[in-house]
All heavy atoms as atom14 arrays in JSON, in Angstrom:
{
  "sequence": "QGLAWAVEGLAESVAARADRSTAQANRNLVLTYLERNPVPSALPQDP",
  "atom14_mask": [
    [1, 1, 1, 1, 1, 1, 1, 1, 1, 0, 0, 0, 0, 0],
    [1, 1, 1, 1, 0, 0, 0, 0, 0, 0, 0, 0, 0, 0],
    [1, 1, 1, 1, 1, 1, 1, 1, 0, 0, 0, 0, 0, 0],
    [1, 1, 1, 1, 1, 0, 0, 0, 0, 0, 0, 0, 0, 0],
    [1, 1, 1, 1, 1, 1, 1, 1, 1, 1, 1, 1, 1, 1],
    [1, 1, 1, 1, 1, 0, 0, 0, 0, 0, 0, 0, 0, 0],
    [1, 1, 1, 1, 1, 1, 1, 0, 0, 0, 0, 0, 0, 0],
    [1, 1, 1, 1, 1, 1, 1, 1, 1, 0, 0, 0, 0, 0],
    [1, 1, 1, 1, 0, 0, 0, 0, 0, 0, 0, 0, 0, 0],
    [1, 1, 1, 1, 1, 1, 1, 1, 0, 0, 0, 0, 0, 0],
    [1, 1, 1, 1, 1, 0, 0, 0, 0, 0, 0, 0, 0, 0],
    [1, 1, 1, 1, 1, 1, 1, 1, 1, 0, 0, 0, 0, 0],
    [1, 1, 1, 1, 1, 1, 0, 0, 0, 0, 0, 0, 0, 0],
    [1, 1, 1, 1, 1, 1, 1, 0, 0, 0, 0, 0, 0, 0],
    [1, 1, 1, 1, 1, 0, 0, 0, 0, 0, 0, 0, 0, 0],
    [1, 1, 1, 1, 1, 0, 0, 0, 0, 0, 0, 0, 0, 0],
    [1, 1, 1, 1, 1, 1, 1, 1, 1, 1, 1, 0, 0, 0],
    [1, 1, 1, 1, 1, 0, 0, 0, 0, 0, 0, 0, 0, 0],
    [1, 1, 1, 1, 1, 1, 1, 1, 0, 0, 0, 0, 0, 0],
    [1, 1, 1, 1, 1, 1, 1, 1, 1, 1, 1, 0, 0, 0],
    [1, 1, 1, 1, 1, 1, 0, 0, 0, 0, 0, 0, 0, 0],
    [1, 1, 1, 1, 1, 1, 1, 0, 0, 0, 0, 0, 0, 0],
    [1, 1, 1, 1, 1, 0, 0, 0, 0, 0, 0, 0, 0, 0],
    [1, 1, 1, 1, 1, 1, 1, 1, 1, 0, 0, 0, 0, 0],
    [1, 1, 1, 1, 1, 0, 0, 0, 0, 0, 0, 0, 0, 0],
    [1, 1, 1, 1, 1, 1, 1, 1, 0, 0, 0, 0, 0, 0],
    [1, 1, 1, 1, 1, 1, 1, 1, 1, 1, 1, 0, 0, 0],
    [1, 1, 1, 1, 1, 1, 1, 1, 0, 0, 0, 0, 0, 0],
    [1, 1, 1, 1, 1, 1, 1, 1, 0, 0, 0, 0, 0, 0],
    [1, 1, 1, 1, 1, 1, 1, 0, 0, 0, 0, 0, 0, 0],
    [1, 1, 1, 1, 1, 1, 1, 1, 0, 0, 0, 0, 0, 0],
    [1, 1, 1, 1, 1, 1, 1, 0, 0, 0, 0, 0, 0, 0],
    [1, 1, 1, 1, 1, 1, 1, 1, 1, 1, 1, 1, 0, 0],
    [1, 1, 1, 1, 1, 1, 1, 1, 0, 0, 0, 0, 0, 0],
    [1, 1, 1, 1, 1, 1, 1, 1, 1, 0, 0, 0, 0, 0],
    [1, 1, 1, 1, 1, 1, 1, 1, 1, 1, 1, 0, 0, 0],
    [1, 1, 1, 1, 1, 1, 1, 1, 0, 0, 0, 0, 0, 0],
    [1, 1, 1, 1, 1, 1, 1, 0, 0, 0, 0, 0, 0, 0],
    [1, 1, 1, 1, 1, 1, 1, 0, 0, 0, 0, 0, 0, 0],
    [1, 1, 1, 1, 1, 1, 1, 0, 0, 0, 0, 0, 0, 0],
    [1, 1, 1, 1, 1, 1, 0, 0, 0, 0, 0, 0, 0, 0],
    [1, 1, 1, 1, 1, 0, 0, 0, 0, 0, 0, 0, 0, 0],
    [1, 1, 1, 1, 1, 1, 1, 1, 0, 0, 0, 0, 0, 0],
    [1, 1, 1, 1, 1, 1, 1, 0, 0, 0, 0, 0, 0, 0],
    [1, 1, 1, 1, 1, 1, 1, 1, 1, 0, 0, 0, 0, 0],
    [1, 1, 1, 1, 1, 1, 1, 1, 0, 0, 0, 0, 0, 0],
    [1, 1, 1, 1, 1, 1, 1, 0, 0, 0, 0, 0, 0, 0]
  ],
  "atom14_positions": [
    [[2.27, 4.46, -19.26], [0.9, 4.6, -18.76], [0.43, 3.24, -18.25], [-0.56, 2.71, -18.7], [-0.02, 5.11, -19.87], [0.32, 6.5, -20.35], [0.15, 7.53, -19.25], [-0.82, 7.52, -18.51], [1.11, 8.42, -19.13], [0.0, 0.0, 0.0], [0.0, 0.0, 0.0], [0.0, 0.0, 0.0], [0.0, 0.0, 0.0], [0.0, 0.0, 0.0]],
    [[1.17, 2.7, -17.31], [0.87, 1.37, -16.8], [-0.19, 1.36, -15.73], [-0.89, 2.35, -15.5], [0.0, 0.0, 0.0], [0.0, 0.0, 0.0], [0.0, 0.0, 0.0], [0.0, 0.0, 0.0], [0.0, 0.0, 0.0], [0.0, 0.0, 0.0], [0.0, 0.0, 0.0], [0.0, 0.0, 0.0], [0.0, 0.0, 0.0], [0.0, 0.0, 0.0]],
    [[-0.3, 0.23, -15.07], [-1.27, 0.03, -14.01], [-0.74, 0.65, -12.73], [0.26, 0.2, -12.16], [-1.53, -1.47, -13.82], [-2.04, -2.19, -15.07], [-2.08, -3.68, -14.85], [-3.4, -1.65, -15.47], [0.0, 0.0, 0.0], [0.0, 0.0, 0.0], [0.0, 0.0, 0.0], [0.0, 0.0, 0.0], [0.0, 0.0, 0.0], [0.0, 0.0, 0.0]],
    [[-1.4, 1.71, -12.27], [-0.89, 2.51, -11.15], [-0.68, 1.69, -9.89], [0.31, 1.9, -9.18], [-1.84, 3.67, -10.88], [0.0, 0.0, 0.0], [0.0, 0.0, 0.0], [0.0, 0.0, 0.0], [0.0, 0.0, 0.0], [0.0, 0.0, 0.0], [0.0, 0.0, 0.0], [0.0, 0.0, 0.0], [0.0, 0.0, 0.0], [0.0, 0.0, 0.0]],
    [[-1.56, 0.75, -9.59], [-1.4, -0.05, -8.37], [-0.1, -0.83, -8.43], [0.58, -0.98, -7.4], [-2.59, -0.98, -8.13], [-2.69, -2.11, -9.13], [-3.4, -2.12, -10.28], [-2.02, -3.37, -9.05], [-3.23, -3.31, -10.94], [-2.39, -4.1, -10.21], [-1.16, -3.95, -8.13], [-1.92, -5.38, -10.46], [-0.69, -5.24, -8.38], [-1.08, -5.94, -9.55]],
    [[0.27, -1.34, -9.59], [1.49, -2.13, -9.73], [2.73, -1.24, -9.73], [3.73, -1.54, -9.07], [1.44, -2.98, -11.0], [0.0, 0.0, 0.0], [0.0, 0.0, 0.0], [0.0, 0.0, 0.0], [0.0, 0.0, 0.0], [0.0, 0.0, 0.0], [0.0, 0.0, 0.0], [0.0, 0.0, 0.0], [0.0, 0.0, 0.0], [0.0, 0.0, 0.0]],
    [[2.66, -0.14, -10.45], [3.8, 0.8, -10.53], [4.11, 1.38, -9.16], [5.25, 1.33, -8.69], [3.49, 1.91, -11.56], [4.49, 3.04, -11.48], [3.44, 1.32, -12.97], [0.0, 0.0, 0.0], [0.0, 0.0, 0.0], [0.0, 0.0, 0.0], [0.0, 0.0, 0.0], [0.0, 0.0, 0.0], [0.0, 0.0, 0.0], [0.0, 0.0, 0.0]],
    [[3.09, 1.93, -8.51], [3.31, 2.55, -7.2], [3.5, 1.48, -6.11], [4.29, 1.67, -5.18], [2.16, 3.48, -6.83], [2.03, 4.67, -7.74], [3.26, 5.56, -7.8], [4.13, 5.52, -6.91], [3.38, 6.31, -8.79], [0.0, 0.0, 0.0], [0.0, 0.0, 0.0], [0.0, 0.0, 0.0], [0.0, 0.0, 0.0], [0.0, 0.0, 0.0]],
    [[2.8, 0.38, -6.24], [2.96, -0.7, -5.26], [4.35, -1.28, -5.25], [4.93, -1.54, -4.19], [0.0, 0.0, 0.0], [0.0, 0.0, 0.0], [0.0, 0.0, 0.0], [0.0, 0.0, 0.0], [0.0, 0.0, 0.0], [0.0, 0.0, 0.0], [0.0, 0.0, 0.0], [0.0, 0.0, 0.0], [0.0, 0.0, 0.0], [0.0, 0.0, 0.0]],
    [[4.93, -1.49, -6.44], [6.29, -2.01, -6.51], [7.28, -1.02, -5.89], [8.14, -1.4, -5.09], [6.69, -2.31, -7.94], [8.14, -2.8, -8.13], [8.41, -4.1, -7.36], [8.47, -2.96, -9.6], [0.0, 0.0, 0.0], [0.0, 0.0, 0.0], [0.0, 0.0, 0.0], [0.0, 0.0, 0.0], [0.0, 0.0, 0.0], [0.0, 0.0, 0.0]],
    [[7.14, 0.25, -6.24], [8.05, 1.26, -5.69], [7.93, 1.32, -4.17], [8.93, 1.41, -3.45], [7.77, 2.62, -6.32], [0.0, 0.0, 0.0], [0.0, 0.0, 0.0], [0.0, 0.0, 0.0], [0.0, 0.0, 0.0], [0.0, 0.0, 0.0], [0.0, 0.0, 0.0], [0.0, 0.0, 0.0], [0.0, 0.0, 0.0], [0.0, 0.0, 0.0]],
    [[6.71, 1.25, -3.68], [6.49, 1.3, -2.22], [6.98, 0.02, -1.56], [7.53, 0.05, -0.45], [5.0, 1.54, -1.94], [4.72, 2.11, -0.6], [5.34, 3.47, -0.35], [5.73, 4.2, -1.29], [5.43, 3.83, 0.85], [0.0, 0.0, 0.0], [0.0, 0.0, 0.0], [0.0, 0.0, 0.0], [0.0, 0.0, 0.0], [0.0, 0.0, 0.0]],
    [[6.82, -1.11, -2.22], [7.3, -2.39, -1.69], [8.82, -2.38, -1.51], [9.34, -2.79, -0.47], [6.89, -3.53, -2.63], [7.37, -4.77, -2.17], [0.0, 0.0, 0.0], [0.0, 0.0, 0.0], [0.0, 0.0, 0.0], [0.0, 0.0, 0.0], [0.0, 0.0, 0.0], [0.0, 0.0, 0.0], [0.0, 0.0, 0.0], [0.0, 0.0, 0.0]],
    [[9.52, -1.88, -2.51], [10.99, -1.8, -2.42], [11.4, -0.82, -1.32], [12.29, -1.1, -0.53], [11.6, -1.42, -3.79], [13.1, -1.15, -3.67], [11.33, -2.52, -4.81], [0.0, 0.0, 0.0], [0.0, 0.0, 0.0], [0.0, 0.0, 0.0], [0.0, 0.0, 0.0], [0.0, 0.0, 0.0], [0.0, 0.0, 0.0], [0.0, 0.0, 0.0]],
    [[10.72, 0.32, -1.26], [11.05, 1.31, -0.22], [10.8, 0.74, 1.17], [11.61, 0.95, 2.08], [10.22, 2.59, -0.43], [0.0, 0.0, 0.0], [0.0, 0.0, 0.0], [0.0, 0.0, 0.0], [0.0, 0.0, 0.0], [0.0, 0.0, 0.0], [0.0, 0.0, 0.0], [0.0, 0.0, 0.0], [0.0, 0.0, 0.0], [0.0, 0.0, 0.0]],
    [[9.71, 0.01, 1.34], [9.4, -0.57, 2.66], [10.39, -1.67, 3.03], [10.74, -1.81, 4.21], [7.97, -1.12, 2.67], [0.0, 0.0, 0.0], [0.0, 0.0, 0.0], [0.0, 0.0, 0.0], [0.0, 0.0, 0.0], [0.0, 0.0, 0.0], [0.0, 0.0, 0.0], [0.0, 0.0, 0.0], [0.0, 0.0, 0.0], [0.0, 0.0, 0.0]],
    [[10.87, -2.41, 2.06], [11.89, -3.43, 2.35], [13.22, -2.8, 2.72], [14.01, -3.37, 3.46], [12.07, -4.37, 1.17], [10.94, -5.35, 1.03], [11.23, -6.36, -0.04], [10.1, -7.26, -0.17], [10.15, -8.41, -0.8], [11.27, -8.82, -1.35], [9.08, -9.17, -0.89], [0.0, 0.0, 0.0], [0.0, 0.0, 0.0], [0.0, 0.0, 0.0]],
    [[13.47, -1.6, 2.21], [14.74, -0.91, 2.47], [14.7, -0.1, 3.77], [15.75, 0.23, 4.31], [15.07, 0.02, 1.3], [0.0, 0.0, 0.0], [0.0, 0.0, 0.0], [0.0, 0.0, 0.0], [0.0, 0.0, 0.0], [0.0, 0.0, 0.0], [0.0, 0.0, 0.0], [0.0, 0.0, 0.0], [0.0, 0.0, 0.0], [0.0, 0.0, 0.0]],
    [[13.5, 0.21, 4.25], [13.39, 1.08, 5.42], [12.3, 0.54, 6.35], [11.12, 0.57, 6.01], [13.04, 2.51, 4.98], [12.85, 3.44, 6.17], [13.79, 3.56, 6.97], [11.76, 4.01, 6.28], [0.0, 0.0, 0.0], [0.0, 0.0, 0.0], [0.0, 0.0, 0.0], [0.0, 0.0, 0.0], [0.0, 0.0, 0.0], [0.0, 0.0, 0.0]],
    [[12.72, 0.07, 7.51], [11.82, -0.54, 8.48], [10.71, 0.43, 8.92], [9.56, 0.03, 9.11], [12.61, -1.03, 9.69], [11.75, -1.75, 10.69], [12.57, -2.33, 11.81], [13.41, -3.38, 11.25], [14.61, -3.68, 11.7], [15.12, -3.04, 12.72], [15.31, -4.65, 11.15], [0.0, 0.0, 0.0], [0.0, 0.0, 0.0], [0.0, 0.0, 0.0]],
    [[11.04, 1.72, 9.09], [10.01, 2.66, 9.54], [8.94, 2.87, 8.47], [7.76, 3.06, 8.8], [10.63, 3.99, 9.99], [11.24, 4.64, 8.91], [0.0, 0.0, 0.0], [0.0, 0.0, 0.0], [0.0, 0.0, 0.0], [0.0, 0.0, 0.0], [0.0, 0.0, 0.0], [0.0, 0.0, 0.0], [0.0, 0.0, 0.0], [0.0, 0.0, 0.0]],
    [[9.32, 2.83, 7.21], [8.33, 2.92, 6.13], [7.43, 1.69, 6.15], [6.2, 1.81, 6.01], [9.02, 3.07, 4.76], [9.75, 4.29, 4.77], [8.02, 3.05, 3.62], [0.0, 0.0, 0.0], [0.0, 0.0, 0.0], [0.0, 0.0, 0.0], [0.0, 0.0, 0.0], [0.0, 0.0, 0.0], [0.0, 0.0, 0.0], [0.0, 0.0, 0.0]],
    [[8.03, 0.53, 6.33], [7.24, -0.7, 6.39], [6.23, -0.63, 7.53], [5.06, -0.98, 7.36], [8.17, -1.91, 6.56], [0.0, 0.0, 0.0], [0.0, 0.0, 0.0], [0.0, 0.0, 0.0], [0.0, 0.0, 0.0], [0.0, 0.0, 0.0], [0.0, 0.0, 0.0], [0.0, 0.0, 0.0], [0.0, 0.0, 0.0], [0.0, 0.0, 0.0]],
    [[6.66, -0.16, 8.7], [5.76, -0.07, 9.84], [4.68, 0.98, 9.63], [3.51, 0.76, 9.94], [6.53, 0.21, 11.13], [5.67, 0.12, 12.37], [5.04, -1.26, 12.54], [5.72, -2.28, 12.53], [3.71, -1.31, 12.67], [0.0, 0.0, 0.0], [0.0, 0.0, 0.0], [0.0, 0.0, 0.0], [0.0, 0.0, 0.0], [0.0, 0.0, 0.0]],
    [[5.06, 2.11, 9.09], [4.07, 3.17, 8.82], [3.02, 2.67, 7.84], [1.81, 2.91, 8.03], [4.76, 4.42, 8.29], [0.0, 0.0, 0.0], [0.0, 0.0, 0.0], [0.0, 0.0, 0.0], [0.0, 0.0, 0.0], [0.0, 0.0, 0.0], [0.0, 0.0, 0.0], [0.0, 0.0, 0.0], [0.0, 0.0, 0.0], [0.0, 0.0, 0.0]],
    [[3.45, 1.97, 6.79], [2.5, 1.46, 5.81], [1.6, 0.39, 6.42], [0.39, 0.36, 6.16], [3.22, 0.92, 4.58], [3.73, 2.02, 3.68], [3.45, 3.2, 3.91], [4.49, 1.66, 2.68], [0.0, 0.0, 0.0], [0.0, 0.0, 0.0], [0.0, 0.0, 0.0], [0.0, 0.0, 0.0], [0.0, 0.0, 0.0], [0.0, 0.0, 0.0]],
    [[2.17, -0.46, 7.26], [1.36, -1.48, 7.94], [0.29, -0.8, 8.81], [-0.87, -1.22, 8.81], [2.23, -2.41, 8.76], [1.42, -3.47, 9.5], [2.25, -4.65, 9.89], [1.49, -5.64, 10.6], [0.66, -6.51, 10.06], [0.48, -6.51, 8.76], [0.0, -7.39, 10.79], [0.0, 0.0, 0.0], [0.0, 0.0, 0.0], [0.0, 0.0, 0.0]],
    [[0.69, 0.24, 9.53], [-0.27, 0.95, 10.38], [-1.38, 1.59, 9.55], [-2.55, 1.58, 9.96], [0.44, 2.0, 11.23], [1.32, 1.38, 12.29], [1.17, 0.2, 12.65], [2.25, 2.16, 12.8], [0.0, 0.0, 0.0], [0.0, 0.0, 0.0], [0.0, 0.0, 0.0], [0.0, 0.0, 0.0], [0.0, 0.0, 0.0], [0.0, 0.0, 0.0]],
    [[-1.04, 2.14, 8.39], [-2.05, 2.72, 7.51], [-3.04, 1.66, 7.03], [-4.25, 1.9, 6.99], [-1.39, 3.4, 6.31], [-0.65, 4.7, 6.59], [0.19, 5.11, 5.39], [-1.63, 5.81, 6.96], [0.0, 0.0, 0.0], [0.0, 0.0, 0.0], [0.0, 0.0, 0.0], [0.0, 0.0, 0.0], [0.0, 0.0, 0.0], [0.0, 0.0, 0.0]],
    [[-2.52, 0.49, 6.68], [-3.39, -0.6, 6.23], [-4.29, -1.07, 7.37], [-5.5, -1.28, 7.19], [-2.56, -1.77, 5.64], [-3.42, -3.01, 5.41], [-1.9, -1.34, 4.34], [0.0, 0.0, 0.0], [0.0, 0.0, 0.0], [0.0, 0.0, 0.0], [0.0, 0.0, 0.0], [0.0, 0.0, 0.0], [0.0, 0.0, 0.0], [0.0, 0.0, 0.0]],
    [[-3.73, -1.22, 8.56], [-4.53, -1.64, 9.72], [-5.64, -0.64, 10.02], [-6.79, -1.03, 10.26], [-3.64, -1.84, 10.94], [-2.72, -3.07, 10.9], [-1.72, -3.02, 12.04], [-3.54, -4.35, 10.93], [0.0, 0.0, 0.0], [0.0, 0.0, 0.0], [0.0, 0.0, 0.0], [0.0, 0.0, 0.0], [0.0, 0.0, 0.0], [0.0, 0.0, 0.0]],
    [[-5.3, 0.63, 10.0], [-6.31, 1.67, 10.25], [-7.39, 1.62, 9.18], [-8.59, 1.72, 9.48], [-5.66, 3.06, 10.3], [-4.71, 3.07, 11.38], [-6.68, 4.16, 10.49], [0.0, 0.0, 0.0], [0.0, 0.0, 0.0], [0.0, 0.0, 0.0], [0.0, 0.0, 0.0], [0.0, 0.0, 0.0], [0.0, 0.0, 0.0], [0.0, 0.0, 0.0]],
    [[-6.98, 1.45, 7.94], [-7.95, 1.35, 6.85], [-8.91, 0.18, 7.09], [-10.13, 0.32, 6.96], [-7.23, 1.17, 5.51], [-8.16, 0.92, 4.36], [-8.74, 1.98, 3.67], [-8.52, -0.38, 3.98], [-9.63, 1.76, 2.63], [-9.41, -0.61, 2.95], [-9.96, 0.46, 2.28], [-10.85, 0.23, 1.26], [0.0, 0.0, 0.0], [0.0, 0.0, 0.0]],
    [[-8.34, -0.98, 7.45], [-9.16, -2.19, 7.64], [-10.06, -2.1, 8.87], [-11.1, -2.76, 8.92], [-8.27, -3.43, 7.69], [-7.59, -3.77, 6.37], [-6.56, -4.87, 6.57], [-8.61, -4.16, 5.31], [0.0, 0.0, 0.0], [0.0, 0.0, 0.0], [0.0, 0.0, 0.0], [0.0, 0.0, 0.0], [0.0, 0.0, 0.0], [0.0, 0.0, 0.0]],
    [[-9.68, -1.29, 9.84], [-10.55, -1.07, 11.01], [-11.8, -0.29, 10.61], [-12.85, -0.45, 11.23], [-9.81, -0.28, 12.1], [-8.76, -1.06, 12.82], [-7.91, -0.18, 13.74], [-8.19, 1.04, 13.89], [-6.95, -0.72, 14.31], [0.0, 0.0, 0.0], [0.0, 0.0, 0.0], [0.0, 0.0, 0.0], [0.0, 0.0, 0.0], [0.0, 0.0, 0.0]],
    [[-11.68, 0.54, 9.6], [-12.76, 1.45, 9.22], [-13.52, 1.04, 7.97], [-14.57, 1.6, 7.66], [-12.19, 2.85, 9.0], [-11.55, 3.42, 10.23], [-10.9, 4.74, 9.94], [-10.26, 5.26, 11.15], [-9.38, 6.22, 11.16], [-9.02, 6.81, 10.03], [-8.85, 6.62, 12.29], [0.0, 0.0, 0.0], [0.0, 0.0, 0.0], [0.0, 0.0, 0.0]],
    [[-12.93, 0.1, 7.21], [-13.51, -0.26, 5.9], [-13.46, -1.78, 5.72], [-12.58, -2.44, 6.25], [-12.68, 0.36, 4.77], [-12.62, 1.85, 4.85], [-13.55, 2.53, 4.47], [-11.52, 2.38, 5.38], [0.0, 0.0, 0.0], [0.0, 0.0, 0.0], [0.0, 0.0, 0.0], [0.0, 0.0, 0.0], [0.0, 0.0, 0.0], [0.0, 0.0, 0.0]],
    [[-14.37, -2.29, 4.88], [-14.26, -3.71, 4.53], [-13.09, -3.92, 3.56], [-12.56, -2.94, 3.0], [-15.6, -4.0, 3.83], [-16.04, -2.67, 3.31], [-15.52, -1.64, 4.27], [0.0, 0.0, 0.0], [0.0, 0.0, 0.0], [0.0, 0.0, 0.0], [0.0, 0.0, 0.0], [0.0, 0.0, 0.0], [0.0, 0.0, 0.0], [0.0, 0.0, 0.0]],
    [[-12.71, -5.16, 3.39], [-11.67, -5.48, 2.4], [-12.19, -5.03, 1.03], [-13.32, -5.37, 0.66], [-11.36, -6.99, 2.4], [-10.49, -7.37, 1.22], [-10.7, -7.39, 3.71], [0.0, 0.0, 0.0], [0.0, 0.0, 0.0], [0.0, 0.0, 0.0], [0.0, 0.0, 0.0], [0.0, 0.0, 0.0], [0.0, 0.0, 0.0], [0.0, 0.0, 0.0]],
    [[-11.4, -4.23, 0.32], [-11.88, -3.74, -0.99], [-12.07, -4.89, -1.98], [-11.42, -5.92, -1.88], [-10.79, -2.78, -1.44], [-9.61, -3.06, -0.6], [-10.07, -3.76, 0.64], [0.0, 0.0, 0.0], [0.0, 0.0, 0.0], [0.0, 0.0, 0.0], [0.0, 0.0, 0.0], [0.0, 0.0, 0.0], [0.0, 0.0, 0.0], [0.0, 0.0, 0.0]],
    [[-12.94, -4.66, -2.93], [-13.22, -5.69, -3.94], [-12.26, -5.63, -5.12], [-12.23, -6.54, -5.93], [-14.66, -5.57, -4.43], [-14.85, -4.3, -5.02], [0.0, 0.0, 0.0], [0.0, 0.0, 0.0], [0.0, 0.0, 0.0], [0.0, 0.0, 0.0], [0.0, 0.0, 0.0], [0.0, 0.0, 0.0], [0.0, 0.0, 0.0], [0.0, 0.0, 0.0]],
    [[-11.49, -4.55, -5.2], [-10.59, -4.36, -6.34], [-9.26, -3.8, -5.88], [-9.13, -3.29, -4.76], [-11.23, -3.42, -7.36], [0.0, 0.0, 0.0], [0.0, 0.0, 0.0], [0.0, 0.0, 0.0], [0.0, 0.0, 0.0], [0.0, 0.0, 0.0], [0.0, 0.0, 0.0], [0.0, 0.0, 0.0], [0.0, 0.0, 0.0], [0.0, 0.0, 0.0]],
    [[-8.28, -3.87, -6.75], [-6.97, -3.27, -6.51], [-7.08, -1.76, -6.47], [-7.98, -1.19, -7.11], [-6.01, -3.7, -7.62], [-5.7, -5.19, -7.67], [-5.21, -5.59, -9.05], [-4.69, -5.56, -6.6], [0.0, 0.0, 0.0], [0.0, 0.0, 0.0], [0.0, 0.0, 0.0], [0.0, 0.0, 0.0], [0.0, 0.0, 0.0], [0.0, 0.0, 0.0]],
    [[-6.18, -1.07, -5.75], [-6.23, 0.39, -5.74], [-5.9, 0.93, -7.14], [-4.82, 0.71, -7.64], [-5.17, 0.8, -4.73], [-4.46, -0.44, -4.33], [-5.13, -1.62, -4.93], [0.0, 0.0, 0.0], [0.0, 0.0, 0.0], [0.0, 0.0, 0.0], [0.0, 0.0, 0.0], [0.0, 0.0, 0.0], [0.0, 0.0, 0.0], [0.0, 0.0, 0.0]],
    [[-6.85, 1.6, -7.76], [-6.7, 2.02, -9.15], [-5.86, 3.27, -9.36], [-5.13, 3.36, -10.34], [-8.07, 2.21, -9.79], [-8.85, 0.92, -9.89], [-8.11, -0.16, -10.64], [-7.67, 0.04, -11.77], [-7.91, -1.32, -10.02], [0.0, 0.0, 0.0], [0.0, 0.0, 0.0], [0.0, 0.0, 0.0], [0.0, 0.0, 0.0], [0.0, 0.0, 0.0]],
    [[-5.98, 4.23, -8.48], [-5.3, 5.5, -8.67], [-4.74, 5.99, -7.33], [-5.32, 6.88, -6.71], [-6.27, 6.52, -9.26], [-5.6, 7.81, -9.66], [-4.36, 7.82, -9.86], [-6.31, 8.83, -9.79], [0.0, 0.0, 0.0], [0.0, 0.0, 0.0], [0.0, 0.0, 0.0], [0.0, 0.0, 0.0], [0.0, 0.0, 0.0], [0.0, 0.0, 0.0]],
    [[-3.64, 5.38, -6.88], [-3.11, 5.76, -5.57], [-2.78, 7.25, -5.49], [-2.06, 7.78, -6.32], [-1.84, 4.91, -5.44], [-2.0, 3.8, -6.42], [-2.84, 4.35, -7.53], [0.0, 0.0, 0.0], [0.0, 0.0, 0.0], [0.0, 0.0, 0.0], [0.0, 0.0, 0.0], [0.0, 0.0, 0.0], [0.0, 0.0, 0.0], [0.0, 0.0, 0.0]]
  ]
}
């Protein structure tokens, strides 16, 4: 029952390093998020 941002973030980080299309898709998701929202004040708690 760990910290979800770290558990899921690590798994996603490894997957993105292993697959260029995942890395690009995730980057695009982050860019779209930042176009529509301010930088969050906290880590993602429950991905």
